[in-house]
Structures are given as structure tokens and as C-alpha cells.
Amino acid sequence: MDKETLYSGMELQVIEVLKTCFDPEIPVNIYELGLIYEVKVNEKGFAHVKMTLTSPMCPVAESLPPEVENKIQYVPGITDVKVEVVWEPTWNPSMMSDVARLELGMM
């Protein structure tokens, strides 16, 4: 297996873990909500995730990023994790996937 395949595979594993994290106010995972802006895993197994929240006043602003980081640590091959909360671009409902829109009755 070449490195590119391995890395994209690890990134896909991280994404699968992200799909197990939910904003408790919205019954859709954070990946489908469009809260995950970037997932990168380097050759040493360091995972870097850029994410946002629905708003800076989100009630889970203190608990969700550490939950995400904790879950990613258990992906096989991951040696370290950094979850970076960013506010640009500002999240809006158009960032949701079709799966999220369907789940929320917006389609």
C-alpha cells in the first residue's frame, strides 16, 4: 500500500469517528452538519482537524472539541490530535450535506 492510500485511509477513519459526534441540540452528526472544515493526517499519524460550531455561543463550545479530540485518539495509527476551532468561514445551514438536510426535513 502506498503512503497516499494509507493517509487517505486514515483520514477516512477519522471522518467515520467524526460521524459519531453530535451537537446535542441537532440530531445530525457534526460532519454532516458541515462543522468539519478540514481533516489532515500526516505520515507520523498526527491528525489535525479544523472545525467550527453553529455559533460562538453554542452551549457545547467547551465540551464538543475535546470530545472530538478524544474520539480521534482511538483511531488506529493516530499518534496525536489537534482540533482547531475556527470561525471563518462562518457556518451557515447551506454547509450541511444532503443527508443532514433530509434528516432535518429541509429537503
N, C-alpha and C. Protein backbone atom coordinates (compact mmCIF):
# COMPACT_ATOMS: atom_id res chain seq x y z
N MET A 1 0.86 -1.19 0.00
CA MET A 1 0.00 0.00 0.00
C MET A 1 0.89 1.24 0.00
N ASP A 2 0.64 2.19 -0.90
CA ASP A 2 1.45 3.40 -0.92
C ASP A 2 1.00 4.38 0.17
N LYS A 3 1.87 5.33 0.47
CA LYS A 3 1.58 6.27 1.55
C LYS A 3 0.31 7.07 1.32
N GLU A 4 0.08 7.49 0.08
CA GLU A 4 -1.11 8.30 -0.22
C GLU A 4 -2.39 7.53 0.13
N THR A 5 -2.40 6.25 -0.20
CA THR A 5 -3.56 5.43 0.11
C THR A 5 -3.71 5.30 1.62
N LEU A 6 -2.60 5.08 2.31
CA LEU A 6 -2.64 4.96 3.76
C LEU A 6 -3.17 6.23 4.41
N TYR A 7 -2.67 7.38 3.98
CA TYR A 7 -3.10 8.64 4.59
C TYR A 7 -4.57 8.92 4.32
N SER A 8 -4.98 8.74 3.09
CA SER A 8 -6.39 9.00 2.81
C SER A 8 -7.26 8.01 3.58
N GLY A 9 -6.75 6.79 3.76
CA GLY A 9 -7.49 5.80 4.54
C GLY A 9 -7.61 6.22 5.99
N MET A 10 -6.52 6.75 6.55
CA MET A 10 -6.57 7.22 7.94
C MET A 10 -7.51 8.41 8.06
N GLU A 11 -7.47 9.28 7.08
CA GLU A 11 -8.37 10.43 7.11
C GLU A 11 -9.82 9.97 7.04
N LEU A 12 -10.07 8.95 6.23
CA LEU A 12 -11.43 8.40 6.16
C LEU A 12 -11.84 7.78 7.49
N GLN A 13 -10.91 7.15 8.18
CA GLN A 13 -11.21 6.59 9.50
C GLN A 13 -11.55 7.71 10.49
N VAL A 14 -10.81 8.80 10.42
CA VAL A 14 -11.09 9.95 11.29
C VAL A 14 -12.49 10.49 10.97
N ILE A 15 -12.82 10.59 9.71
CA ILE A 15 -14.14 11.09 9.32
C ILE A 15 -15.24 10.17 9.86
N GLU A 16 -15.03 8.87 9.81
CA GLU A 16 -16.02 7.94 10.36
C GLU A 16 -16.22 8.17 11.85
N VAL A 17 -15.15 8.48 12.57
CA VAL A 17 -15.26 8.79 14.01
C VAL A 17 -16.01 10.11 14.19
N LEU A 18 -15.74 11.09 13.34
CA LEU A 18 -16.44 12.38 13.45
C LEU A 18 -17.94 12.21 13.27
N LYS A 19 -18.34 11.20 12.51
CA LYS A 19 -19.76 10.95 12.29
C LYS A 19 -20.44 10.36 13.53
N THR A 20 -19.66 10.10 14.58
CA THR A 20 -20.24 9.61 15.84
C THR A 20 -20.39 10.74 16.86
N CYS A 21 -20.02 11.95 16.47
CA CYS A 21 -20.10 13.12 17.36
C CYS A 21 -21.30 13.96 16.95
N PHE A 22 -22.10 14.32 17.93
CA PHE A 22 -23.34 15.06 17.66
C PHE A 22 -23.41 16.32 18.49
N ASP A 23 -23.97 17.36 17.89
CA ASP A 23 -24.39 18.53 18.64
C ASP A 23 -25.70 18.11 19.29
N PRO A 24 -25.80 18.12 20.63
CA PRO A 24 -27.00 17.59 21.28
C PRO A 24 -28.30 18.32 20.93
N GLU A 25 -28.20 19.53 20.40
CA GLU A 25 -29.41 20.27 20.05
C GLU A 25 -29.92 19.92 18.65
N ILE A 26 -29.07 19.28 17.84
CA ILE A 26 -29.43 18.96 16.46
C ILE A 26 -29.15 17.47 16.25
N PRO A 27 -30.14 16.69 15.86
CA PRO A 27 -29.96 15.23 15.75
C PRO A 27 -29.21 14.77 14.50
N VAL A 28 -28.12 15.46 14.16
CA VAL A 28 -27.31 15.13 12.99
C VAL A 28 -25.85 15.23 13.42
N ASN A 29 -25.00 14.32 12.92
CA ASN A 29 -23.60 14.37 13.33
C ASN A 29 -22.88 15.62 12.81
N ILE A 30 -21.78 15.96 13.46
CA ILE A 30 -21.09 17.21 13.15
C ILE A 30 -20.48 17.23 11.75
N TYR A 31 -20.16 16.05 11.22
CA TYR A 31 -19.61 16.00 9.87
C TYR A 31 -20.68 16.36 8.84
N GLU A 32 -21.84 15.74 8.95
CA GLU A 32 -22.94 16.02 8.02
C GLU A 32 -23.48 17.44 8.19
N LEU A 33 -23.37 17.98 9.40
CA LEU A 33 -23.80 19.37 9.63
C LEU A 33 -22.89 20.37 8.93
N GLY A 34 -21.71 19.93 8.50
CA GLY A 34 -20.78 20.84 7.85
C GLY A 34 -19.90 21.58 8.83
N LEU A 35 -19.79 21.07 10.06
CA LEU A 35 -18.96 21.74 11.07
C LEU A 35 -17.48 21.39 10.94
N ILE A 36 -17.17 20.37 10.15
CA ILE A 36 -15.77 19.97 9.95
C ILE A 36 -15.28 20.59 8.64
N TYR A 37 -14.28 21.45 8.76
CA TYR A 37 -13.76 22.14 7.59
C TYR A 37 -12.57 21.44 6.95
N GLU A 38 -11.80 20.70 7.76
CA GLU A 38 -10.60 20.07 7.22
C GLU A 38 -10.16 18.93 8.11
N VAL A 39 -9.73 17.84 7.49
CA VAL A 39 -9.14 16.70 8.19
C VAL A 39 -7.84 16.36 7.48
N LYS A 40 -6.74 16.39 8.21
CA LYS A 40 -5.44 16.01 7.65
C LYS A 40 -4.75 15.08 8.64
N VAL A 41 -4.11 14.05 8.10
CA VAL A 41 -3.29 13.15 8.90
C VAL A 41 -1.94 13.06 8.20
N ASN A 42 -0.86 13.36 8.94
CA ASN A 42 0.46 13.31 8.30
C ASN A 42 1.07 11.92 8.43
N GLU A 43 2.27 11.78 7.88
CA GLU A 43 2.92 10.47 7.84
C GLU A 43 3.30 9.92 9.20
N LYS A 44 3.33 10.77 10.21
CA LYS A 44 3.64 10.32 11.58
C LYS A 44 2.40 10.01 12.38
N GLY A 45 1.23 10.13 11.76
CA GLY A 45 -0.02 9.83 12.46
C GLY A 45 -0.61 11.00 13.22
N PHE A 46 -0.10 12.20 12.97
CA PHE A 46 -0.65 13.39 13.61
C PHE A 46 -1.90 13.84 12.86
N ALA A 47 -3.00 13.92 13.55
CA ALA A 47 -4.27 14.34 12.95
C ALA A 47 -4.55 15.79 13.31
N HIS A 48 -4.89 16.57 12.31
CA HIS A 48 -5.26 17.96 12.52
C HIS A 48 -6.65 18.16 11.93
N VAL A 49 -7.56 18.63 12.76
CA VAL A 49 -8.94 18.84 12.34
C VAL A 49 -9.29 20.30 12.56
N LYS A 50 -9.79 20.95 11.51
CA LYS A 50 -10.34 22.30 11.64
C LYS A 50 -11.85 22.15 11.66
N MET A 51 -12.45 22.70 12.69
CA MET A 51 -13.90 22.63 12.81
C MET A 51 -14.44 23.95 13.31
N THR A 52 -15.73 24.10 13.21
CA THR A 52 -16.40 25.27 13.74
C THR A 52 -17.59 24.79 14.54
N LEU A 53 -18.34 25.71 15.05
CA LEU A 53 -19.58 25.42 15.77
C LEU A 53 -20.68 26.23 15.10
N THR A 54 -21.92 25.90 15.39
CA THR A 54 -23.01 26.62 14.75
C THR A 54 -23.00 28.10 15.12
N SER A 55 -22.47 28.43 16.30
CA SER A 55 -22.31 29.83 16.70
C SER A 55 -21.31 29.89 17.85
N PRO A 56 -20.68 31.05 18.06
CA PRO A 56 -19.75 31.18 19.18
C PRO A 56 -20.42 30.96 20.54
N MET A 57 -21.72 31.15 20.60
CA MET A 57 -22.45 30.98 21.87
C MET A 57 -23.02 29.57 22.02
N CYS A 58 -22.61 28.65 21.15
CA CYS A 58 -23.08 27.27 21.18
C CYS A 58 -22.87 26.68 22.57
N PRO A 59 -23.90 26.07 23.16
CA PRO A 59 -23.78 25.52 24.50
C PRO A 59 -22.71 24.43 24.66
N VAL A 60 -22.32 23.78 23.56
CA VAL A 60 -21.31 22.73 23.65
C VAL A 60 -19.92 23.21 23.22
N ALA A 61 -19.73 24.52 23.18
CA ALA A 61 -18.46 25.08 22.74
C ALA A 61 -17.29 24.59 23.59
N GLU A 62 -17.53 24.35 24.86
CA GLU A 62 -16.47 23.89 25.75
C GLU A 62 -16.29 22.38 25.72
N SER A 63 -17.34 21.64 25.43
CA SER A 63 -17.27 20.17 25.54
C SER A 63 -17.09 19.44 24.20
N LEU A 64 -17.60 19.99 23.11
CA LEU A 64 -17.55 19.26 21.84
C LEU A 64 -16.14 19.11 21.28
N PRO A 65 -15.33 20.17 21.19
CA PRO A 65 -13.98 19.97 20.65
C PRO A 65 -13.14 18.94 21.43
N PRO A 66 -13.16 18.94 22.77
CA PRO A 66 -12.43 17.89 23.47
C PRO A 66 -13.00 16.49 23.22
N GLU A 67 -14.31 16.37 23.05
CA GLU A 67 -14.91 15.08 22.73
C GLU A 67 -14.40 14.59 21.38
N VAL A 68 -14.36 15.48 20.40
CA VAL A 68 -13.87 15.14 19.07
C VAL A 68 -12.41 14.67 19.17
N GLU A 69 -11.60 15.44 19.86
CA GLU A 69 -10.18 15.09 20.02
C GLU A 69 -10.03 13.73 20.69
N ASN A 70 -10.78 13.50 21.73
CA ASN A 70 -10.70 12.24 22.47
C ASN A 70 -11.06 11.05 21.58
N LYS A 71 -12.11 11.17 20.81
CA LYS A 71 -12.53 10.06 19.95
C LYS A 71 -11.51 9.78 18.85
N ILE A 72 -10.91 10.82 18.28
CA ILE A 72 -9.94 10.63 17.20
C ILE A 72 -8.69 9.91 17.71
N GLN A 73 -8.34 10.13 18.97
CA GLN A 73 -7.14 9.49 19.54
C GLN A 73 -7.20 7.96 19.46
N TYR A 74 -8.38 7.40 19.36
CA TYR A 74 -8.54 5.96 19.33
C TYR A 74 -8.53 5.36 17.93
N VAL A 75 -8.37 6.20 16.91
CA VAL A 75 -8.26 5.68 15.55
C VAL A 75 -6.89 5.00 15.42
N PRO A 76 -6.86 3.75 14.96
CA PRO A 76 -5.58 3.05 14.81
C PRO A 76 -4.61 3.84 13.92
N GLY A 77 -3.38 4.02 14.40
CA GLY A 77 -2.36 4.74 13.65
C GLY A 77 -2.24 6.20 14.01
N ILE A 78 -3.22 6.74 14.72
CA ILE A 78 -3.16 8.14 15.13
C ILE A 78 -2.26 8.25 16.36
N THR A 79 -1.27 9.12 16.28
CA THR A 79 -0.32 9.29 17.38
C THR A 79 -0.60 10.55 18.20
N ASP A 80 -1.22 11.53 17.59
CA ASP A 80 -1.53 12.77 18.29
C ASP A 80 -2.64 13.48 17.51
N VAL A 81 -3.37 14.34 18.21
CA VAL A 81 -4.51 15.03 17.61
C VAL A 81 -4.52 16.48 18.03
N LYS A 82 -4.85 17.34 17.09
CA LYS A 82 -5.13 18.74 17.41
C LYS A 82 -6.44 19.10 16.73
N VAL A 83 -7.39 19.55 17.53
CA VAL A 83 -8.66 20.05 17.00
C VAL A 83 -8.62 21.57 17.14
N GLU A 84 -8.71 22.23 16.02
CA GLU A 84 -8.66 23.68 15.97
C GLU A 84 -10.05 24.22 15.65
N VAL A 85 -10.59 25.01 16.56
CA VAL A 85 -11.90 25.63 16.33
C VAL A 85 -11.66 26.96 15.61
N VAL A 86 -12.28 27.10 14.45
CA VAL A 86 -12.13 28.31 13.65
C VAL A 86 -13.51 28.92 13.43
N TRP A 87 -13.53 30.20 13.14
CA TRP A 87 -14.81 30.90 12.95
C TRP A 87 -14.98 31.44 11.54
N GLU A 88 -13.99 31.22 10.69
CA GLU A 88 -14.07 31.65 9.29
C GLU A 88 -13.85 30.45 8.42
N PRO A 89 -14.64 30.19 7.46
CA PRO A 89 -15.87 30.91 7.19
C PRO A 89 -16.92 30.62 8.25
N THR A 90 -17.81 31.56 8.45
CA THR A 90 -18.89 31.40 9.40
C THR A 90 -19.82 30.29 8.92
N TRP A 91 -20.16 29.38 9.85
CA TRP A 91 -21.05 28.29 9.49
C TRP A 91 -22.44 28.82 9.17
N ASN A 92 -23.08 28.19 8.18
CA ASN A 92 -24.47 28.50 7.89
C ASN A 92 -25.12 27.22 7.37
N PRO A 93 -26.44 27.14 7.39
CA PRO A 93 -27.13 25.91 7.00
C PRO A 93 -26.81 25.39 5.60
N SER A 94 -26.33 26.25 4.72
CA SER A 94 -26.01 25.77 3.37
C SER A 94 -24.81 24.82 3.37
N MET A 95 -24.08 24.76 4.47
CA MET A 95 -22.91 23.88 4.58
C MET A 95 -23.30 22.46 4.94
N MET A 96 -24.55 22.24 5.27
CA MET A 96 -25.00 20.90 5.62
C MET A 96 -25.06 20.01 4.39
N SER A 97 -24.79 18.74 4.59
CA SER A 97 -24.90 17.77 3.50
C SER A 97 -26.37 17.50 3.20
N ASP A 98 -26.61 16.84 2.08
CA ASP A 98 -27.99 16.44 1.75
C ASP A 98 -28.52 15.48 2.81
N VAL A 99 -27.65 14.65 3.37
CA VAL A 99 -28.06 13.72 4.44
C VAL A 99 -28.60 14.52 5.63
N ALA A 100 -27.90 15.57 6.01
CA ALA A 100 -28.34 16.39 7.14
C ALA A 100 -29.66 17.09 6.83
N ARG A 101 -29.76 17.66 5.63
CA ARG A 101 -30.99 18.35 5.24
C ARG A 101 -32.19 17.40 5.26
N LEU A 102 -31.98 16.20 4.75
CA LEU A 102 -33.04 15.20 4.73
C LEU A 102 -33.43 14.84 6.16
N GLU A 103 -32.45 14.62 7.01
CA GLU A 103 -32.72 14.25 8.41
C GLU A 103 -33.49 15.35 9.15
N LEU A 104 -33.21 16.58 8.80
CA LEU A 104 -33.86 17.71 9.46
C LEU A 104 -35.12 18.19 8.74
N GLY A 105 -35.53 17.47 7.71
CA GLY A 105 -36.75 17.82 6.98
C GLY A 105 -36.62 19.08 6.15
N MET A 106 -35.42 19.36 5.68
CA MET A 106 -35.20 20.59 4.89
C MET A 106 -35.16 20.30 3.39
N MET A 107 -35.50 19.10 2.98
CA MET A 107 -35.48 18.76 1.55
C MET A 107 -36.86 18.33 1.12
